[in-house]
Amino acid sequence: MAVFSSSRRSAAGIAFIVAGALILLGVILGVAAIGGGSWLTVLAYLAIAVGFAILAIGSIANVIARIALIVAAIGWFLLALGVAGLGVPGELLSIAALLAAIGGVTGAIVLYTGREITDRSAIAFIVTTILAAIILLLPALLAPLGVLAPILLGLGFLITGLLFHWVQRGRRR
C-alpha cells in the first residue's frame, strides 16, 4: 500500500510540474505580449486541482488532510472555471479562493505533521501553498511586484512537483 501511495504522490508531483511550467509559460507570453495566457492559467489551475485531488486520494493515514486537500482541489477547479469565463459568479470565485487557500495550506501542514511528506518536499509544498494563499486572498498586496508573484508561484509548484516526483520515485527503488 505504501508503494501505491508513493506513486500517487509522484503523480501529484507531475501535475504540479505541469502547473508550474504552464504558469511560467503564461508569464513569459504575457511579458512578450503574446496572447493565450488565460488558457494557460486555466490549464495550470486544473493541473493544480488534479495534483491536490491525487494527494487527497494518496493520503492514507489522515482524514483531516484528505478533506483539506479535496477542499483545495475544489477551490482550484472553481477558479479554473472562473478564469475560463464560464460565468462563475464573483461571490463563488471569492469562496473558491478561500477554499483553495485554506484547504491547500491546511492540507500541506497536516501532511507534514502526519509525516506523510517529509524533508525538502514538505517545506517546498508548505511555502508554495502559503504563497498561493497570499496571491489568491491578497492580490493587491502583491500588485506592486508585477510579474514576480506569478513567477514565484510557478517556480514553487515546479520545485514542489520535482521534489515530490524525485523523492517518491527514489523511495520505490
C-alpha atoms as a PDB file:
ATOM      1  CA  MET A   1       0.000   0.000   0.000  1.00  0.00           C
ATOM      2  CA  ALA A   2       2.880   2.374   0.667  1.00  0.00           C
ATOM      3  CA  VAL A   3       4.189   1.892  -2.883  1.00  0.00           C
ATOM      4  CA  PHE A   4       0.753   2.678  -4.282  1.00  0.00           C
ATOM      5  CA  SER A   5       0.588   5.846  -2.173  1.00  0.00           C
ATOM      6  CA  SER A   6       4.087   6.813  -3.267  1.00  0.00           C
ATOM      7  CA  SER A   7       3.134   6.501  -6.912  1.00  0.00           C
ATOM      8  CA  ARG A   8       0.182   8.787  -6.269  1.00  0.00           C
ATOM      9  CA  ARG A   9       2.427  11.419  -4.699  1.00  0.00           C
ATOM     10  CA  SER A  10       4.740  11.077  -7.668  1.00  0.00           C
ATOM     11  CA  ALA A  11       1.750  11.577  -9.976  1.00  0.00           C
ATOM     12  CA  ALA A  12       0.723  14.646  -7.961  1.00  0.00           C
ATOM     13  CA  GLY A  13       4.278  15.877  -8.407  1.00  0.00           C
ATOM     14  CA  ILE A  14       3.940  15.545 -12.161  1.00  0.00           C
ATOM     15  CA  ALA A  15       0.679  17.525 -12.055  1.00  0.00           C
ATOM     16  CA  PHE A  16       2.413  20.267 -10.048  1.00  0.00           C
ATOM     17  CA  ILE A  17       5.346  20.288 -12.506  1.00  0.00           C
ATOM     18  CA  VAL A  18       2.902  20.805 -15.363  1.00  0.00           C
ATOM     19  CA  ALA A  19       1.096  23.561 -13.427  1.00  0.00           C
ATOM     20  CA  GLY A  20       4.336  25.373 -12.611  1.00  0.00           C
ATOM     21  CA  ALA A  21       5.539  25.151 -16.208  1.00  0.00           C
ATOM     22  CA  LEU A  22       2.209  26.478 -17.510  1.00  0.00           C
ATOM     23  CA  ILE A  23       2.246  29.393 -15.057  1.00  0.00           C
ATOM     24  CA  LEU A  24       5.810  30.293 -16.078  1.00  0.00           C
ATOM     25  CA  LEU A  25       4.945  29.956 -19.774  1.00  0.00           C
ATOM     26  CA  GLY A  26       1.949  32.246 -19.234  1.00  0.00           C
ATOM     27  CA  VAL A  27       4.204  34.845 -17.617  1.00  0.00           C
ATOM     28  CA  ILE A  28       6.687  34.633 -20.485  1.00  0.00           C
ATOM     29  CA  LEU A  29       3.932  35.002 -23.081  1.00  0.00           C
ATOM     30  CA  GLY A  30       2.410  37.872 -21.118  1.00  0.00           C
ATOM     31  CA  VAL A  31       5.703  39.743 -20.937  1.00  0.00           C
ATOM     32  CA  ALA A  32       6.256  39.115 -24.648  1.00  0.00           C
ATOM     33  CA  ALA A  33       2.722  40.467 -25.297  1.00  0.00           C
ATOM     34  CA  ILE A  34       1.639  37.260 -26.996  1.00  0.00           C
ATOM     35  CA  GLY A  35      -1.960  36.184 -26.361  1.00  0.00           C
ATOM     36  CA  GLY A  36      -3.228  32.923 -24.921  1.00  0.00           C
ATOM     37  CA  GLY A  37      -2.186  33.472 -21.319  1.00  0.00           C
ATOM     38  CA  SER A  38      -5.659  32.974 -19.880  1.00  0.00           C
ATOM     39  CA  TRP A  39      -5.975  29.442 -21.272  1.00  0.00           C
ATOM     40  CA  LEU A  40      -2.582  28.598 -19.851  1.00  0.00           C
ATOM     41  CA  THR A  41      -3.837  29.830 -16.479  1.00  0.00           C
ATOM     42  CA  VAL A  42      -6.958  27.672 -16.817  1.00  0.00           C
ATOM     43  CA  LEU A  43      -4.842  24.620 -17.600  1.00  0.00           C
ATOM     44  CA  ALA A  44      -2.426  25.431 -14.762  1.00  0.00           C
ATOM     45  CA  TYR A  45      -5.269  25.763 -12.243  1.00  0.00           C
ATOM     46  CA  LEU A  46      -6.769  22.487 -13.470  1.00  0.00           C
ATOM     47  CA  ALA A  47      -3.378  20.794 -13.067  1.00  0.00           C
ATOM     48  CA  ILE A  48      -3.130  22.174  -9.519  1.00  0.00           C
ATOM     49  CA  ALA A  49      -6.635  20.856  -8.780  1.00  0.00           C
ATOM     50  CA  VAL A  50      -5.648  17.440 -10.131  1.00  0.00           C
ATOM     51  CA  GLY A  51      -2.469  17.461  -8.027  1.00  0.00           C
ATOM     52  CA  PHE A  52      -4.417  18.208  -4.856  1.00  0.00           C
ATOM     53  CA  ALA A  53      -7.020  15.555  -5.725  1.00  0.00           C
ATOM     54  CA  ILE A  54      -4.305  12.938  -6.294  1.00  0.00           C
ATOM     55  CA  LEU A  55      -2.698  13.844  -2.957  1.00  0.00           C
ATOM     56  CA  ALA A  56      -6.096  13.506  -1.271  1.00  0.00           C
ATOM     57  CA  ILE A  57      -6.548  10.034  -2.730  1.00  0.00           C
ATOM     58  CA  GLY A  58      -2.999   9.089  -1.721  1.00  0.00           C
ATOM     59  CA  SER A  59      -3.366  10.391   1.835  1.00  0.00           C
ATOM     60  CA  ILE A  60      -3.841   7.057   3.525  1.00  0.00           C
ATOM     61  CA  ALA A  61      -3.396   7.957   7.173  1.00  0.00           C
ATOM     62  CA  ASN A  62      -5.100  11.263   7.819  1.00  0.00           C
ATOM     63  CA  VAL A  63      -8.754  12.112   7.236  1.00  0.00           C
ATOM     64  CA  ILE A  64      -8.223  15.813   8.005  1.00  0.00           C
ATOM     65  CA  ALA A  65      -5.523  16.032   5.347  1.00  0.00           C
ATOM     66  CA  ARG A  66      -7.749  14.248   2.861  1.00  0.00           C
ATOM     67  CA  ILE A  67     -10.644  16.649   3.490  1.00  0.00           C
ATOM     68  CA  ALA A  68      -8.400  19.719   3.295  1.00  0.00           C
ATOM     69  CA  LEU A  69      -6.831  18.535   0.040  1.00  0.00           C
ATOM     70  CA  ILE A  70     -10.240  17.814  -1.503  1.00  0.00           C
ATOM     71  CA  VAL A  71     -11.386  21.296  -0.462  1.00  0.00           C
ATOM     72  CA  ALA A  72      -8.278  22.778  -2.109  1.00  0.00           C
ATOM     73  CA  ALA A  73      -8.878  20.764  -5.283  1.00  0.00           C
ATOM     74  CA  ILE A  74     -12.478  22.004  -5.486  1.00  0.00           C
ATOM     75  CA  GLY A  75     -11.317  25.588  -4.928  1.00  0.00           C
ATOM     76  CA  TRP A  76      -8.689  25.424  -7.693  1.00  0.00           C
ATOM     77  CA  PHE A  77     -11.192  23.759 -10.043  1.00  0.00           C
ATOM     78  CA  LEU A  78     -13.737  26.534  -9.483  1.00  0.00           C
ATOM     79  CA  LEU A  79     -11.019  29.152 -10.002  1.00  0.00           C
ATOM     80  CA  ALA A  80     -10.133  27.475 -13.313  1.00  0.00           C
ATOM     81  CA  LEU A  81     -13.784  27.685 -14.378  1.00  0.00           C
ATOM     82  CA  GLY A  82     -13.803  31.373 -13.452  1.00  0.00           C
ATOM     83  CA  VAL A  83     -10.648  32.143 -15.446  1.00  0.00           C
ATOM     84  CA  ALA A  84     -12.128  30.213 -18.389  1.00  0.00           C
ATOM     85  CA  GLY A  85     -15.016  32.680 -18.393  1.00  0.00           C
ATOM     86  CA  LEU A  86     -17.742  30.125 -17.853  1.00  0.00           C
ATOM     87  CA  GLY A  87     -19.988  32.543 -15.998  1.00  0.00           C
ATOM     88  CA  VAL A  88     -18.975  31.708 -12.455  1.00  0.00           C
ATOM     89  CA  PRO A  89     -20.368  34.425 -10.141  1.00  0.00           C
ATOM     90  CA  GLY A  90     -17.861  36.653  -8.376  1.00  0.00           C
ATOM     91  CA  GLU A  91     -19.090  35.541  -4.964  1.00  0.00           C
ATOM     92  CA  LEU A  92     -18.397  31.919  -5.846  1.00  0.00           C
ATOM     93  CA  LEU A  93     -14.912  32.856  -7.049  1.00  0.00           C
ATOM     94  CA  SER A  94     -14.238  34.515  -3.694  1.00  0.00           C
ATOM     95  CA  ILE A  95     -15.360  31.366  -1.912  1.00  0.00           C
ATOM     96  CA  ALA A  96     -13.248  29.275  -4.316  1.00  0.00           C
ATOM     97  CA  ALA A  97     -10.173  31.370  -3.482  1.00  0.00           C
ATOM     98  CA  LEU A  98     -10.830  30.793   0.221  1.00  0.00           C
ATOM     99  CA  LEU A  99     -11.289  27.053  -0.335  1.00  0.00           C
ATOM    100  CA  ALA A 100      -8.095  26.786  -2.399  1.00  0.00           C
ATOM    101  CA  ALA A 101      -6.060  28.859   0.057  1.00  0.00           C
ATOM    102  CA  ILE A 102      -7.259  27.402   3.349  1.00  0.00           C
ATOM    103  CA  GLY A 103      -7.527  23.838   2.050  1.00  0.00           C
ATOM    104  CA  GLY A 104      -4.084  23.958   0.464  1.00  0.00           C
ATOM    105  CA  VAL A 105      -2.223  25.380   3.455  1.00  0.00           C
ATOM    106  CA  THR A 106      -4.083  23.175   5.926  1.00  0.00           C
ATOM    107  CA  GLY A 107      -3.544  20.063   3.821  1.00  0.00           C
ATOM    108  CA  ALA A 108       0.167  20.762   3.385  1.00  0.00           C
ATOM    109  CA  ILE A 109       0.716  21.357   7.095  1.00  0.00           C
ATOM    110  CA  VAL A 110      -1.318  18.308   8.155  1.00  0.00           C
ATOM    111  CA  LEU A 111       0.525  16.081   5.670  1.00  0.00           C
ATOM    112  CA  TYR A 112       3.813  17.338   7.097  1.00  0.00           C
ATOM    113  CA  THR A 113       2.830  16.940  10.743  1.00  0.00           C
ATOM    114  CA  GLY A 114       1.432  13.482   9.968  1.00  0.00           C
ATOM    115  CA  ARG A 115       4.790  12.580   8.374  1.00  0.00           C
ATOM    116  CA  GLU A 116       3.148  11.657   5.058  1.00  0.00           C
ATOM    117  CA  ILE A 117       5.503  14.082   3.335  1.00  0.00           C
ATOM    118  CA  THR A 118       8.901  14.986   4.734  1.00  0.00           C
ATOM    119  CA  ASP A 119      12.099  16.914   4.158  1.00  0.00           C
ATOM    120  CA  ARG A 120      12.502  19.458   1.392  1.00  0.00           C
ATOM    121  CA  SER A 121       9.375  18.403  -0.469  1.00  0.00           C
ATOM    122  CA  ALA A 122       7.238  19.181   2.584  1.00  0.00           C
ATOM    123  CA  ILE A 123       8.835  22.591   3.132  1.00  0.00           C
ATOM    124  CA  ALA A 124       8.513  23.447  -0.572  1.00  0.00           C
ATOM    125  CA  PHE A 125       4.853  22.381  -0.538  1.00  0.00           C
ATOM    126  CA  ILE A 126       4.035  24.418   2.564  1.00  0.00           C
ATOM    127  CA  VAL A 127       5.826  27.524   1.246  1.00  0.00           C
ATOM    128  CA  THR A 128       4.136  27.182  -2.149  1.00  0.00           C
ATOM    129  CA  THR A 129       0.663  26.804  -0.656  1.00  0.00           C
ATOM    130  CA  ILE A 130       1.249  29.821   1.616  1.00  0.00           C
ATOM    131  CA  LEU A 131       2.404  31.873  -1.374  1.00  0.00           C
ATOM    132  CA  ALA A 132      -0.638  30.710  -3.357  1.00  0.00           C
ATOM    133  CA  ALA A 133      -2.901  31.691  -0.449  1.00  0.00           C
ATOM    134  CA  ILE A 134      -1.374  35.170  -0.327  1.00  0.00           C
ATOM    135  CA  ILE A 135      -1.730  35.566  -4.091  1.00  0.00           C
ATOM    136  CA  LEU A 136      -5.346  34.363  -4.042  1.00  0.00           C
ATOM    137  CA  LEU A 137      -6.523  36.237  -0.960  1.00  0.00           C
ATOM    138  CA  LEU A 138      -4.419  39.416  -1.028  1.00  0.00           C
ATOM    139  CA  PRO A 139      -3.671  40.191  -4.678  1.00  0.00           C
ATOM    140  CA  ALA A 140      -3.457  43.949  -4.005  1.00  0.00           C
ATOM    141  CA  LEU A 141      -0.599  43.294  -1.580  1.00  0.00           C
ATOM    142  CA  LEU A 142       1.486  41.723  -4.331  1.00  0.00           C
ATOM    143  CA  ALA A 143       0.397  44.004  -7.183  1.00  0.00           C
ATOM    144  CA  PRO A 144       3.480  46.249  -6.857  1.00  0.00           C
ATOM    145  CA  LEU A 145       5.680  43.218  -7.524  1.00  0.00           C
ATOM    146  CA  GLY A 146       4.222  42.826 -11.021  1.00  0.00           C
ATOM    147  CA  VAL A 147       5.117  39.503 -12.609  1.00  0.00           C
ATOM    148  CA  LEU A 148       7.340  38.435  -9.716  1.00  0.00           C
ATOM    149  CA  ALA A 149       4.436  36.876  -7.766  1.00  0.00           C
ATOM    150  CA  PRO A 150       3.301  34.561 -10.610  1.00  0.00           C
ATOM    151  CA  ILE A 151       6.932  33.684 -11.341  1.00  0.00           C
ATOM    152  CA  LEU A 152       7.437  32.679  -7.706  1.00  0.00           C
ATOM    153  CA  LEU A 153       4.188  30.698  -7.743  1.00  0.00           C
ATOM    154  CA  GLY A 154       5.166  28.889 -10.925  1.00  0.00           C
ATOM    155  CA  LEU A 155       8.622  28.117  -9.553  1.00  0.00           C
ATOM    156  CA  GLY A 156       7.070  26.969  -6.273  1.00  0.00           C
ATOM    157  CA  PHE A 157       4.786  24.447  -7.950  1.00  0.00           C
ATOM    158  CA  LEU A 158       7.572  23.361 -10.306  1.00  0.00           C
ATOM    159  CA  ILE A 159      10.051  22.767  -7.473  1.00  0.00           C
ATOM    160  CA  THR A 160       7.434  21.108  -5.262  1.00  0.00           C
ATOM    161  CA  GLY A 161       6.428  18.819  -8.099  1.00  0.00           C
ATOM    162  CA  LEU A 162      10.023  17.895  -8.882  1.00  0.00           C
ATOM    163  CA  LEU A 163      10.722  17.130  -5.228  1.00  0.00           C
ATOM    164  CA  PHE A 164       7.542  15.042  -4.868  1.00  0.00           C
ATOM    165  CA  HIS A 165       8.376  13.119  -8.001  1.00  0.00           C
ATOM    166  CA  TRP A 166      12.078  12.584  -7.234  1.00  0.00           C
ATOM    167  CA  VAL A 167      11.635  11.754  -3.554  1.00  0.00           C
ATOM    168  CA  GLN A 168       8.772   9.346  -4.151  1.00  0.00           C
ATOM    169  CA  ARG A 169      10.483   7.746  -7.151  1.00  0.00           C
ATOM    170  CA  GLY A 170      13.619   7.265  -5.063  1.00  0.00           C
ATOM    171  CA  ARG A 171      11.700   5.544  -2.253  1.00  0.00           C
ATOM    172  CA  ARG A 172      10.339   2.880  -4.607  1.00  0.00           C
ATOM    173  CA  ARG A 173      13.812   1.696  -5.584  1.00  0.00           C
END
